[in-house]
Each structure stands twice: as structure tokens, then as C-alpha cells.
């Protein structure tokens, strides 16, 4: 089938290849990521939850000046919690 194929116009082939490469670059480039060699030293404060503590109590004490809802959401995400409920004796990291 391809044995009788003859390349009539090399320019058309080159244009087609350039177009394919341009489309690939345009679709892949926005999703590329770069890693940084910088070390970031992140430290968290860890606390042990006392009996009767709630996230609102902790937000009131540790997040003064912030919206407590945002702070609570950060604590839930940081600790991989499924809800904002706390259990006495539980250790959590604070942002």
C-alpha cells in the first residue's frame, strides 16, 4: 500500500509537522510544573485537645484577627480531618 507512495511536496510535510508540534506544545505547556531547589522550613504549632474544646474556642484563642471560619478550614485541611469535630486527647497541628 505504501510502497507506491511518493512524497510530492516536502514543504507540506514540514508544515504539517510544525503544526502538530505547535498544537502539542500549546496543550502541554500550561500543565508543566517546575520544582524549586529552595528549602522551605515550615513549622507548625501542635496542641493536644482538651475535654470540651471546640474549633471555635481554638480559633478564638489562636486566630485572633482572622476570620474563624477560614482558620478552622485551614486546620481541618492541614490535619486531614473529615469534619471540624474534636476529640479530647487528639493532637492537631495549627497553621
C-alpha atoms as a PDB file:
ATOM      1  CA  UNK A   1       0.000   0.000   0.000  1.00  0.00           C
ATOM      2  CA  UNK A   2       2.720   2.499   0.951  1.00  0.00           C
ATOM      3  CA  UNK A   3       5.299   1.097  -1.421  1.00  0.00           C
ATOM      4  CA  UNK A   4       3.922   3.197  -4.270  1.00  0.00           C
ATOM      5  CA  UNK A   5       3.592   6.347  -2.141  1.00  0.00           C
ATOM      6  CA  UNK A   6       5.711   9.220  -3.305  1.00  0.00           C
ATOM      7  CA  UNK A   7       6.307  12.401  -1.342  1.00  0.00           C
ATOM      8  CA  UNK A   8       5.099  15.107  -3.682  1.00  0.00           C
ATOM      9  CA  UNK A   9       5.773  18.161  -1.555  1.00  0.00           C
ATOM     10  CA  UNK A  10       8.248  18.041   1.355  1.00  0.00           C
ATOM     11  CA  UNK A  11       7.131  21.552   2.327  1.00  0.00           C
ATOM     12  CA  UNK A  12       3.601  20.326   3.049  1.00  0.00           C
ATOM     13  CA  UNK A  13       5.015  17.588   5.264  1.00  0.00           C
ATOM     14  CA  UNK A  14       7.185  20.060   7.165  1.00  0.00           C
ATOM     15  CA  UNK A  15       4.256  22.462   7.599  1.00  0.00           C
ATOM     16  CA  UNK A  16       2.075  19.646   8.917  1.00  0.00           C
ATOM     17  CA  UNK A  17       4.776  18.531  11.371  1.00  0.00           C
ATOM     18  CA  UNK A  18       5.280  22.101  12.588  1.00  0.00           C
ATOM     19  CA  UNK A  19       1.528  22.454  13.093  1.00  0.00           C
ATOM     20  CA  UNK A  20       1.358  19.191  15.070  1.00  0.00           C
ATOM     21  CA  UNK A  21       4.288  20.219  17.275  1.00  0.00           C
ATOM     22  CA  UNK A  22       2.748  23.654  17.868  1.00  0.00           C
ATOM     23  CA  UNK A  23      -0.552  22.105  18.931  1.00  0.00           C
ATOM     24  CA  UNK A  24       1.232  19.680  21.279  1.00  0.00           C
ATOM     25  CA  UNK A  25       3.274  22.460  22.852  1.00  0.00           C
ATOM     26  CA  UNK A  26       0.182  24.650  23.267  1.00  0.00           C
ATOM     27  CA  UNK A  27      -1.726  21.867  25.041  1.00  0.00           C
ATOM     28  CA  UNK A  28       1.099  20.526  27.210  1.00  0.00           C
ATOM     29  CA  UNK A  29       2.888  23.745  28.216  1.00  0.00           C
ATOM     30  CA  UNK A  30       0.177  25.134  30.527  1.00  0.00           C
ATOM     31  CA  UNK A  31       0.292  21.940  32.587  1.00  0.00           C
ATOM     32  CA  UNK A  32       4.040  21.786  33.068  1.00  0.00           C
ATOM     33  CA  UNK A  33       5.414  22.457  36.520  1.00  0.00           C
ATOM     34  CA  UNK A  34       8.790  23.451  37.791  1.00  0.00           C
ATOM     35  CA  UNK A  35      10.352  22.344  41.017  1.00  0.00           C
ATOM     36  CA  UNK A  36      12.271  24.687  43.209  1.00  0.00           C
ATOM     37  CA  UNK A  37      15.531  23.759  44.862  1.00  0.00           C
ATOM     38  CA  UNK A  38      14.759  26.107  47.718  1.00  0.00           C
ATOM     39  CA  UNK A  39      14.183  24.550  51.090  1.00  0.00           C
ATOM     40  CA  UNK A  40      11.180  25.902  52.884  1.00  0.00           C
ATOM     41  CA  UNK A  41      11.231  25.454  56.613  1.00  0.00           C
ATOM     42  CA  UNK A  42       7.625  25.204  57.713  1.00  0.00           C
ATOM     43  CA  UNK A  43       6.917  24.723  61.369  1.00  0.00           C
ATOM     44  CA  UNK A  44       3.557  24.169  62.955  1.00  0.00           C
ATOM     45  CA  UNK A  45       2.408  24.508  66.489  1.00  0.00           C
ATOM     46  CA  UNK A  46       0.968  21.253  67.813  1.00  0.00           C
ATOM     47  CA  UNK A  47      -1.581  21.147  70.589  1.00  0.00           C
ATOM     48  CA  UNK A  48      -3.442  18.433  72.434  1.00  0.00           C
ATOM     49  CA  UNK A  49      -7.197  18.962  72.509  1.00  0.00           C
ATOM     50  CA  UNK A  50      -8.683  19.216  75.994  1.00  0.00           C
ATOM     51  CA  UNK A  51     -12.095  17.974  77.004  1.00  0.00           C
ATOM     52  CA  UNK A  52     -14.745  20.482  75.941  1.00  0.00           C
ATOM     53  CA  UNK A  53     -12.543  22.262  73.382  1.00  0.00           C
ATOM     54  CA  UNK A  54     -14.140  23.147  70.074  1.00  0.00           C
ATOM     55  CA  UNK A  55     -12.674  24.515  66.882  1.00  0.00           C
ATOM     56  CA  UNK A  56     -14.434  27.797  67.601  1.00  0.00           C
ATOM     57  CA  UNK A  57     -12.732  28.004  71.019  1.00  0.00           C
ATOM     58  CA  UNK A  58      -9.354  27.296  69.437  1.00  0.00           C
ATOM     59  CA  UNK A  59      -9.969  29.830  66.666  1.00  0.00           C
ATOM     60  CA  UNK A  60     -10.883  32.445  69.220  1.00  0.00           C
ATOM     61  CA  UNK A  61      -7.628  31.815  71.099  1.00  0.00           C
ATOM     62  CA  UNK A  62      -5.133  31.107  68.271  1.00  0.00           C
ATOM     63  CA  UNK A  63      -6.544  33.069  65.337  1.00  0.00           C
ATOM     64  CA  UNK A  64      -7.328  36.467  66.743  1.00  0.00           C
ATOM     65  CA  UNK A  65      -7.784  38.975  63.961  1.00  0.00           C
ATOM     66  CA  UNK A  66      -8.674  36.315  61.399  1.00  0.00           C
ATOM     67  CA  UNK A  67     -11.987  35.029  60.169  1.00  0.00           C
ATOM     68  CA  UNK A  68     -12.522  31.947  62.381  1.00  0.00           C
ATOM     69  CA  UNK A  69     -14.217  30.062  59.539  1.00  0.00           C
ATOM     70  CA  UNK A  70     -11.134  30.379  57.342  1.00  0.00           C
ATOM     71  CA  UNK A  71      -8.842  29.371  60.200  1.00  0.00           C
ATOM     72  CA  UNK A  72     -10.987  26.335  61.031  1.00  0.00           C
ATOM     73  CA  UNK A  73     -10.999  25.292  57.359  1.00  0.00           C
ATOM     74  CA  UNK A  74      -7.190  25.583  57.314  1.00  0.00           C
ATOM     75  CA  UNK A  75      -6.875  23.411  60.450  1.00  0.00           C
ATOM     76  CA  UNK A  76      -9.236  20.777  59.028  1.00  0.00           C
ATOM     77  CA  UNK A  77      -7.264  20.655  55.734  1.00  0.00           C
ATOM     78  CA  UNK A  78      -3.861  20.720  57.417  1.00  0.00           C
ATOM     79  CA  UNK A  79      -4.699  17.772  59.651  1.00  0.00           C
ATOM     80  CA  UNK A  80      -6.670  15.804  57.068  1.00  0.00           C
ATOM     81  CA  UNK A  81      -9.782  15.839  59.221  1.00  0.00           C
ATOM     82  CA  UNK A  82     -13.172  14.860  57.849  1.00  0.00           C
ATOM     83  CA  UNK A  83     -15.000  17.412  59.974  1.00  0.00           C
ATOM     84  CA  UNK A  84     -14.331  20.149  62.499  1.00  0.00           C
ATOM     85  CA  UNK A  85     -15.262  17.904  65.433  1.00  0.00           C
ATOM     86  CA  UNK A  86     -12.537  17.363  68.010  1.00  0.00           C
ATOM     87  CA  UNK A  87     -11.864  14.574  70.498  1.00  0.00           C
ATOM     88  CA  UNK A  88     -10.142  15.072  73.847  1.00  0.00           C
ATOM     89  CA  UNK A  89      -6.527  13.904  73.634  1.00  0.00           C
ATOM     90  CA  UNK A  90      -6.338  14.432  69.902  1.00  0.00           C
ATOM     91  CA  UNK A  91      -3.174  16.173  68.694  1.00  0.00           C
ATOM     92  CA  UNK A  92      -3.564  18.656  65.892  1.00  0.00           C
ATOM     93  CA  UNK A  93      -1.238  20.995  64.032  1.00  0.00           C
ATOM     94  CA  UNK A  94      -2.147  24.656  63.893  1.00  0.00           C
ATOM     95  CA  UNK A  95      -1.259  26.921  60.955  1.00  0.00           C
END
